[in-house]
Each structure stands twice: as structure tokens, then as C-alpha cells.
């Protein structure tokens, strides 16, 4: 429990520091958005950095979104997180997302 709490605090501080204290413009990309809508997220990134969209390259990136370096999923024969750990993680995610301007919980654990 202490390990999870320590890592959650570090995750929170890193995300809030970059998201709120960076002196320039910031585009926050949420992992869920990238997974749910790769094309829109890539377009948003390219627009943010004012880089012209090459439709052929974008289509190629979407086709190969899994990449060749993706780790193979390992199925665990145990649950590494307790129910209270999962609640802590979800609570902290909601807090950080809200602080960064996104108040849309994906799902409760």
C-alpha cells in the first residue's frame, strides 16, 4: 500500500508540474483518448505543433499503431492490486485529470 501511495504522489506531481507549470503552450494528451481515437489525437498533436498533416503518412501510422515493439501481454495468475489500492489509483486519477481541466471519469474501480 505504501509503495502505491508513494508512486501515486510522484505521478501526480509530475503530471501537474508539466501540465500546469510549463511556461509555454501545453497540449495534454490523455492515454484513454489516444487509445480510443488515434487519428483524432494525432491530428490534434500535428495541429498543435503546426505541422501539416500528410494523409498518407497518417493512414500508415494508424494502420501500424500497434508497432513492432509492443510488449506481449502477460496474464497474471493473481491480482496485484487490492480493492483499496484500485480506489486510491482511481481517486488520484480523477483528481489529477480534474486539476488539468478534464472532469470526465472513465469508469470507477
C-alpha atoms as a PDB file:
ATOM      1  CA  UNK A   1       0.000   0.000   0.000  1.00  0.00           C
ATOM      2  CA  UNK A   2       2.830   2.402   0.870  1.00  0.00           C
ATOM      3  CA  UNK A   3       4.562   1.722  -2.474  1.00  0.00           C
ATOM      4  CA  UNK A   4       1.372   2.501  -4.441  1.00  0.00           C
ATOM      5  CA  UNK A   5       0.794   5.682  -2.441  1.00  0.00           C
ATOM      6  CA  UNK A   6       4.387   6.854  -2.981  1.00  0.00           C
ATOM      7  CA  UNK A   7       4.193   6.232  -6.725  1.00  0.00           C
ATOM      8  CA  UNK A   8       0.793   7.931  -6.955  1.00  0.00           C
ATOM      9  CA  UNK A   9       2.198  11.063  -5.350  1.00  0.00           C
ATOM     10  CA  UNK A  10       5.133  11.073  -7.778  1.00  0.00           C
ATOM     11  CA  UNK A  11       2.763  10.547 -10.744  1.00  0.00           C
ATOM     12  CA  UNK A  12       0.536  13.382  -9.532  1.00  0.00           C
ATOM     13  CA  UNK A  13       3.445  15.796  -9.045  1.00  0.00           C
ATOM     14  CA  UNK A  14       4.951  15.005 -12.454  1.00  0.00           C
ATOM     15  CA  UNK A  15       1.675  15.443 -14.328  1.00  0.00           C
ATOM     16  CA  UNK A  16       0.605  18.602 -12.516  1.00  0.00           C
ATOM     17  CA  UNK A  17       4.048  20.148 -12.805  1.00  0.00           C
ATOM     18  CA  UNK A  18       4.215  19.650 -16.568  1.00  0.00           C
ATOM     19  CA  UNK A  19       0.531  20.331 -17.152  1.00  0.00           C
ATOM     20  CA  UNK A  20       0.195  23.473 -15.061  1.00  0.00           C
ATOM     21  CA  UNK A  21       3.671  24.966 -14.629  1.00  0.00           C
ATOM     22  CA  UNK A  22       5.266  24.660 -18.055  1.00  0.00           C
ATOM     23  CA  UNK A  23       5.829  28.237 -19.249  1.00  0.00           C
ATOM     24  CA  UNK A  24       4.842  27.626 -22.872  1.00  0.00           C
ATOM     25  CA  UNK A  25       1.727  26.299 -24.518  1.00  0.00           C
ATOM     26  CA  UNK A  26       0.774  22.776 -23.500  1.00  0.00           C
ATOM     27  CA  UNK A  27      -1.381  20.171 -25.200  1.00  0.00           C
ATOM     28  CA  UNK A  28      -2.368  17.492 -22.739  1.00  0.00           C
ATOM     29  CA  UNK A  29      -2.872  14.088 -24.324  1.00  0.00           C
ATOM     30  CA  UNK A  30      -4.770  11.584 -22.240  1.00  0.00           C
ATOM     31  CA  UNK A  31      -3.859   7.961 -22.777  1.00  0.00           C
ATOM     32  CA  UNK A  32      -7.524   6.968 -22.998  1.00  0.00           C
ATOM     33  CA  UNK A  33      -8.071   9.432 -25.849  1.00  0.00           C
ATOM     34  CA  UNK A  34      -5.070   8.127 -27.729  1.00  0.00           C
ATOM     35  CA  UNK A  35      -6.322   4.560 -27.395  1.00  0.00           C
ATOM     36  CA  UNK A  36      -9.959   5.405 -28.166  1.00  0.00           C
ATOM     37  CA  UNK A  37      -9.295   7.700 -31.138  1.00  0.00           C
ATOM     38  CA  UNK A  38      -5.756   7.519 -32.507  1.00  0.00           C
ATOM     39  CA  UNK A  39      -6.492   9.521 -35.648  1.00  0.00           C
ATOM     40  CA  UNK A  40      -8.119  12.480 -33.888  1.00  0.00           C
ATOM     41  CA  UNK A  41      -5.398  12.574 -31.242  1.00  0.00           C
ATOM     42  CA  UNK A  42      -2.620  12.511 -33.860  1.00  0.00           C
ATOM     43  CA  UNK A  43      -4.375  15.271 -35.801  1.00  0.00           C
ATOM     44  CA  UNK A  44      -4.671  17.338 -32.608  1.00  0.00           C
ATOM     45  CA  UNK A  45      -0.937  16.897 -31.956  1.00  0.00           C
ATOM     46  CA  UNK A  46       0.018  17.849 -35.506  1.00  0.00           C
ATOM     47  CA  UNK A  47      -2.251  20.900 -35.384  1.00  0.00           C
ATOM     48  CA  UNK A  48      -0.801  21.922 -32.021  1.00  0.00           C
ATOM     49  CA  UNK A  49       2.760  21.852 -33.341  1.00  0.00           C
ATOM     50  CA  UNK A  50       1.564  23.475 -36.570  1.00  0.00           C
ATOM     51  CA  UNK A  51       2.809  20.608 -38.703  1.00  0.00           C
ATOM     52  CA  UNK A  52       0.953  19.892 -41.942  1.00  0.00           C
ATOM     53  CA  UNK A  53      -0.994  16.633 -41.975  1.00  0.00           C
ATOM     54  CA  UNK A  54       0.156  14.203 -44.639  1.00  0.00           C
ATOM     55  CA  UNK A  55      -2.889  11.962 -45.090  1.00  0.00           C
ATOM     56  CA  UNK A  56      -0.857   9.033 -46.462  1.00  0.00           C
ATOM     57  CA  UNK A  57       1.557   9.098 -43.523  1.00  0.00           C
ATOM     58  CA  UNK A  58      -1.313   9.488 -41.067  1.00  0.00           C
ATOM     59  CA  UNK A  59      -3.103   6.461 -42.532  1.00  0.00           C
ATOM     60  CA  UNK A  60       0.151   4.494 -42.334  1.00  0.00           C
ATOM     61  CA  UNK A  61       0.614   5.460 -38.684  1.00  0.00           C
ATOM     62  CA  UNK A  62      -2.937   4.373 -37.886  1.00  0.00           C
ATOM     63  CA  UNK A  63      -2.502   1.041 -39.684  1.00  0.00           C
ATOM     64  CA  UNK A  64       0.698   0.390 -37.746  1.00  0.00           C
ATOM     65  CA  UNK A  65      -0.429   1.815 -34.418  1.00  0.00           C
ATOM     66  CA  UNK A  66       0.432  -1.390 -32.584  1.00  0.00           C
ATOM     67  CA  UNK A  67       4.026  -1.154 -33.763  1.00  0.00           C
ATOM     68  CA  UNK A  68       6.680  -3.832 -33.751  1.00  0.00           C
ATOM     69  CA  UNK A  69       7.926  -3.085 -30.248  1.00  0.00           C
ATOM     70  CA  UNK A  70       4.739  -3.724 -28.334  1.00  0.00           C
ATOM     71  CA  UNK A  71       5.196  -5.945 -25.308  1.00  0.00           C
ATOM     72  CA  UNK A  72       3.384  -9.234 -25.242  1.00  0.00           C
ATOM     73  CA  UNK A  73       0.620  -9.321 -22.657  1.00  0.00           C
ATOM     74  CA  UNK A  74       1.410 -11.424 -19.663  1.00  0.00           C
ATOM     75  CA  UNK A  75      -1.531 -12.890 -17.868  1.00  0.00           C
ATOM     76  CA  UNK A  76      -1.041 -12.869 -14.137  1.00  0.00           C
ATOM     77  CA  UNK A  77      -2.415 -15.626 -12.018  1.00  0.00           C
ATOM     78  CA  UNK A  78      -3.011 -13.160  -9.184  1.00  0.00           C
ATOM     79  CA  UNK A  79      -4.393  -9.637  -8.706  1.00  0.00           C
ATOM     80  CA  UNK A  80      -1.509  -7.292  -7.789  1.00  0.00           C
ATOM     81  CA  UNK A  81      -3.795  -4.501  -6.511  1.00  0.00           C
ATOM     82  CA  UNK A  82      -6.204  -4.687  -3.621  1.00  0.00           C
ATOM     83  CA  UNK A  83      -9.616  -3.070  -3.882  1.00  0.00           C
ATOM     84  CA  UNK A  84      -8.443  -0.166  -1.734  1.00  0.00           C
ATOM     85  CA  UNK A  85      -5.369   0.327  -3.947  1.00  0.00           C
ATOM     86  CA  UNK A  86      -7.581   0.442  -7.029  1.00  0.00           C
ATOM     87  CA  UNK A  87      -9.800   3.012  -5.345  1.00  0.00           C
ATOM     88  CA  UNK A  88      -6.760   5.118  -4.433  1.00  0.00           C
ATOM     89  CA  UNK A  89      -5.486   4.983  -8.010  1.00  0.00           C
ATOM     90  CA  UNK A  90      -8.862   5.931  -9.493  1.00  0.00           C
ATOM     91  CA  UNK A  91      -9.386   8.729  -6.963  1.00  0.00           C
ATOM     92  CA  UNK A  92      -5.976  10.206  -7.736  1.00  0.00           C
ATOM     93  CA  UNK A  93      -6.541   9.898 -11.492  1.00  0.00           C
ATOM     94  CA  UNK A  94      -9.812  11.814 -11.199  1.00  0.00           C
ATOM     95  CA  UNK A  95      -8.166  14.486  -9.024  1.00  0.00           C
ATOM     96  CA  UNK A  96      -5.280  14.997 -11.449  1.00  0.00           C
ATOM     97  CA  UNK A  97      -7.490  14.963 -14.554  1.00  0.00           C
ATOM     98  CA  UNK A  98      -9.823  17.494 -12.927  1.00  0.00           C
ATOM     99  CA  UNK A  99      -6.909  19.747 -11.990  1.00  0.00           C
ATOM    100  CA  UNK A 100      -5.704  19.551 -15.591  1.00  0.00           C
ATOM    101  CA  UNK A 101      -9.131  20.585 -16.835  1.00  0.00           C
ATOM    102  CA  UNK A 102     -10.707  17.255 -17.593  1.00  0.00           C
ATOM    103  CA  UNK A 103     -13.529  16.181 -15.351  1.00  0.00           C
ATOM    104  CA  UNK A 104     -14.678  13.053 -17.104  1.00  0.00           C
ATOM    105  CA  UNK A 105     -14.059   9.824 -15.184  1.00  0.00           C
ATOM    106  CA  UNK A 106     -13.806   6.823 -17.496  1.00  0.00           C
ATOM    107  CA  UNK A 107     -15.013   4.204 -15.048  1.00  0.00           C
ATOM    108  CA  UNK A 108     -14.966   3.533 -11.358  1.00  0.00           C
ATOM    109  CA  UNK A 109     -12.997   0.665  -9.952  1.00  0.00           C
END
